[in-house]
Each structure stands twice: as C-alpha cells, then as structure tokens.
C-alpha cells in the first residue's frame, strides 16, 4: 500500500510533467464603436392612451421605434395623420 505522502508526490510529479494549454485570448464582449457610426432615421410611435393597432403594429403609451427603411411611405403617412398616436422623428445608431 502507498503512503498518503507518496500519492501526493506522485500526483504533483504527474501534473508538472504535463504541458499546460496556452491561455485563450479573451474575446472583446463589445466591438469598439467606429467613429463613423451609421445613423438610422426612425419614428418613435406611441399611443396617446391605452393600446392601439395600426399597420400590423401594436402601440401602447410607452411606444417604440421603427426604422424608416422598414416602413412604406403610406405607413409613415398613416402614422403621422392618426390622431390617436404620438409620432416623433428620431435617429438611432
């Protein structure tokens, strides 16, 4: 039977003999922002009160933004002329 001290010495010798894997470089969690970020024109649309559906979207009093490239000219006109909606032109990055 092997003594406990001999087992520990044997494990240590084995661990020292095995090569260590090279540390992996850490991936940058957020890509660095380019100084020339693309500005995206959008509409921030919210309901004046409650909830309302228009053009396949549901708007509440919090609202949300929709890129103008995702909307047709007709949809933009409908949103802008709807008395139950508050529409603001915004930009996103």
C-alpha atoms as a PDB file:
ATOM      1  CA  UNK A   1       0.000   0.000   0.000  1.00  0.00           C
ATOM      2  CA  UNK A   2       1.259   3.512  -0.836  1.00  0.00           C
ATOM      3  CA  UNK A   3       1.525   6.134   1.898  1.00  0.00           C
ATOM      4  CA  UNK A   4      -0.534   9.374   1.517  1.00  0.00           C
ATOM      5  CA  UNK A   5       2.616  11.491   1.146  1.00  0.00           C
ATOM      6  CA  UNK A   6       3.844   9.289  -1.697  1.00  0.00           C
ATOM      7  CA  UNK A   7       0.478   9.633  -3.529  1.00  0.00           C
ATOM      8  CA  UNK A   8       0.626  13.419  -3.278  1.00  0.00           C
ATOM      9  CA  UNK A   9       4.215  13.451  -4.564  1.00  0.00           C
ATOM     10  CA  UNK A  10       3.265  11.180  -7.462  1.00  0.00           C
ATOM     11  CA  UNK A  11       0.300  13.427  -8.443  1.00  0.00           C
ATOM     12  CA  UNK A  12       2.462  16.557  -8.263  1.00  0.00           C
ATOM     13  CA  UNK A  13       5.126  14.996 -10.458  1.00  0.00           C
ATOM     14  CA  UNK A  14       2.495  13.943 -12.984  1.00  0.00           C
ATOM     15  CA  UNK A  15       0.905  17.405 -13.122  1.00  0.00           C
ATOM     16  CA  UNK A  16       4.278  19.096 -13.610  1.00  0.00           C
ATOM     17  CA  UNK A  17       5.174  16.798 -16.438  1.00  0.00           C
ATOM     18  CA  UNK A  18       2.045  17.514 -18.481  1.00  0.00           C
ATOM     19  CA  UNK A  19       2.217  20.602 -20.714  1.00  0.00           C
ATOM     20  CA  UNK A  20      -0.132  23.465 -19.904  1.00  0.00           C
ATOM     21  CA  UNK A  21      -2.515  24.659 -22.558  1.00  0.00           C
ATOM     22  CA  UNK A  22      -1.846  28.170 -23.787  1.00  0.00           C
ATOM     23  CA  UNK A  23      -4.354  30.670 -22.399  1.00  0.00           C
ATOM     24  CA  UNK A  24      -7.042  31.597 -24.867  1.00  0.00           C
ATOM     25  CA  UNK A  25      -7.281  35.278 -25.753  1.00  0.00           C
ATOM     26  CA  UNK A  26     -10.410  36.836 -24.310  1.00  0.00           C
ATOM     27  CA  UNK A  27     -12.947  37.975 -26.865  1.00  0.00           C
ATOM     28  CA  UNK A  28     -13.947  41.598 -26.641  1.00  0.00           C
ATOM     29  CA  UNK A  29     -17.577  41.491 -25.435  1.00  0.00           C
ATOM     30  CA  UNK A  30     -18.452  44.739 -27.187  1.00  0.00           C
ATOM     31  CA  UNK A  31     -16.939  45.648 -30.510  1.00  0.00           C
ATOM     32  CA  UNK A  32     -15.401  49.082 -30.371  1.00  0.00           C
ATOM     33  CA  UNK A  33     -17.645  51.745 -31.832  1.00  0.00           C
ATOM     34  CA  UNK A  34     -16.441  53.197 -35.068  1.00  0.00           C
ATOM     35  CA  UNK A  35     -16.227  56.969 -35.080  1.00  0.00           C
ATOM     36  CA  UNK A  36     -18.367  56.926 -38.224  1.00  0.00           C
ATOM     37  CA  UNK A  37     -21.416  55.122 -36.829  1.00  0.00           C
ATOM     38  CA  UNK A  38     -24.342  54.786 -39.171  1.00  0.00           C
ATOM     39  CA  UNK A  39     -27.249  56.998 -38.156  1.00  0.00           C
ATOM     40  CA  UNK A  40     -30.626  55.387 -38.806  1.00  0.00           C
ATOM     41  CA  UNK A  41     -33.642  57.669 -39.216  1.00  0.00           C
ATOM     42  CA  UNK A  42     -36.684  56.277 -37.432  1.00  0.00           C
ATOM     43  CA  UNK A  43     -40.069  57.090 -35.954  1.00  0.00           C
ATOM     44  CA  UNK A  44     -40.824  56.734 -32.243  1.00  0.00           C
ATOM     45  CA  UNK A  45     -44.530  55.951 -32.081  1.00  0.00           C
ATOM     46  CA  UNK A  46     -46.748  55.616 -29.018  1.00  0.00           C
ATOM     47  CA  UNK A  47     -50.453  55.625 -28.278  1.00  0.00           C
ATOM     48  CA  UNK A  48     -51.945  58.675 -26.585  1.00  0.00           C
ATOM     49  CA  UNK A  49     -53.715  56.343 -24.172  1.00  0.00           C
ATOM     50  CA  UNK A  50     -54.197  52.605 -23.835  1.00  0.00           C
ATOM     51  CA  UNK A  51     -53.203  50.413 -26.728  1.00  0.00           C
ATOM     52  CA  UNK A  52     -53.865  50.774 -30.449  1.00  0.00           C
ATOM     53  CA  UNK A  53     -53.057  48.725 -33.548  1.00  0.00           C
ATOM     54  CA  UNK A  54     -52.047  50.274 -36.835  1.00  0.00           C
ATOM     55  CA  UNK A  55     -50.391  48.768 -39.915  1.00  0.00           C
ATOM     56  CA  UNK A  56     -49.606  45.480 -38.175  1.00  0.00           C
ATOM     57  CA  UNK A  57     -48.029  47.097 -35.096  1.00  0.00           C
ATOM     58  CA  UNK A  58     -49.402  47.451 -31.572  1.00  0.00           C
ATOM     59  CA  UNK A  59     -48.592  50.726 -29.843  1.00  0.00           C
ATOM     60  CA  UNK A  60     -49.026  51.478 -26.160  1.00  0.00           C
ATOM     61  CA  UNK A  61     -48.222  54.521 -24.025  1.00  0.00           C
ATOM     62  CA  UNK A  62     -44.534  53.538 -23.855  1.00  0.00           C
ATOM     63  CA  UNK A  63     -44.096  53.281 -27.609  1.00  0.00           C
ATOM     64  CA  UNK A  64     -41.165  52.011 -29.641  1.00  0.00           C
ATOM     65  CA  UNK A  65     -39.009  52.979 -32.589  1.00  0.00           C
ATOM     66  CA  UNK A  66     -39.294  51.738 -36.141  1.00  0.00           C
ATOM     67  CA  UNK A  67     -36.598  52.452 -38.751  1.00  0.00           C
ATOM     68  CA  UNK A  68     -37.943  54.419 -41.690  1.00  0.00           C
ATOM     69  CA  UNK A  69     -36.410  51.835 -44.025  1.00  0.00           C
ATOM     70  CA  UNK A  70     -38.799  49.252 -42.514  1.00  0.00           C
ATOM     71  CA  UNK A  71     -41.871  51.375 -43.316  1.00  0.00           C
ATOM     72  CA  UNK A  72     -43.565  52.283 -46.566  1.00  0.00           C
ATOM     73  CA  UNK A  73     -44.352  55.916 -47.369  1.00  0.00           C
ATOM     74  CA  UNK A  74     -48.032  55.059 -46.943  1.00  0.00           C
ATOM     75  CA  UNK A  75     -47.449  53.679 -43.419  1.00  0.00           C
ATOM     76  CA  UNK A  76     -45.485  56.791 -42.420  1.00  0.00           C
ATOM     77  CA  UNK A  77     -48.365  58.957 -43.658  1.00  0.00           C
ATOM     78  CA  UNK A  78     -50.933  56.858 -41.747  1.00  0.00           C
ATOM     79  CA  UNK A  79     -48.922  57.084 -38.507  1.00  0.00           C
ATOM     80  CA  UNK A  80     -48.342  60.840 -38.864  1.00  0.00           C
ATOM     81  CA  UNK A  81     -52.011  61.582 -39.547  1.00  0.00           C
ATOM     82  CA  UNK A  82     -53.503  59.336 -36.847  1.00  0.00           C
ATOM     83  CA  UNK A  83     -54.952  61.464 -34.027  1.00  0.00           C
ATOM     84  CA  UNK A  84     -54.603  58.572 -31.534  1.00  0.00           C
ATOM     85  CA  UNK A  85     -50.818  58.292 -31.993  1.00  0.00           C
ATOM     86  CA  UNK A  86     -47.894  60.458 -30.928  1.00  0.00           C
ATOM     87  CA  UNK A  87     -45.173  60.278 -33.606  1.00  0.00           C
ATOM     88  CA  UNK A  88     -41.661  61.674 -33.217  1.00  0.00           C
ATOM     89  CA  UNK A  89     -38.840  61.607 -35.752  1.00  0.00           C
ATOM     90  CA  UNK A  90     -35.720  60.160 -34.106  1.00  0.00           C
ATOM     91  CA  UNK A  91     -32.360  58.690 -35.093  1.00  0.00           C
ATOM     92  CA  UNK A  92     -30.756  55.512 -33.898  1.00  0.00           C
ATOM     93  CA  UNK A  93     -27.251  54.109 -34.083  1.00  0.00           C
END
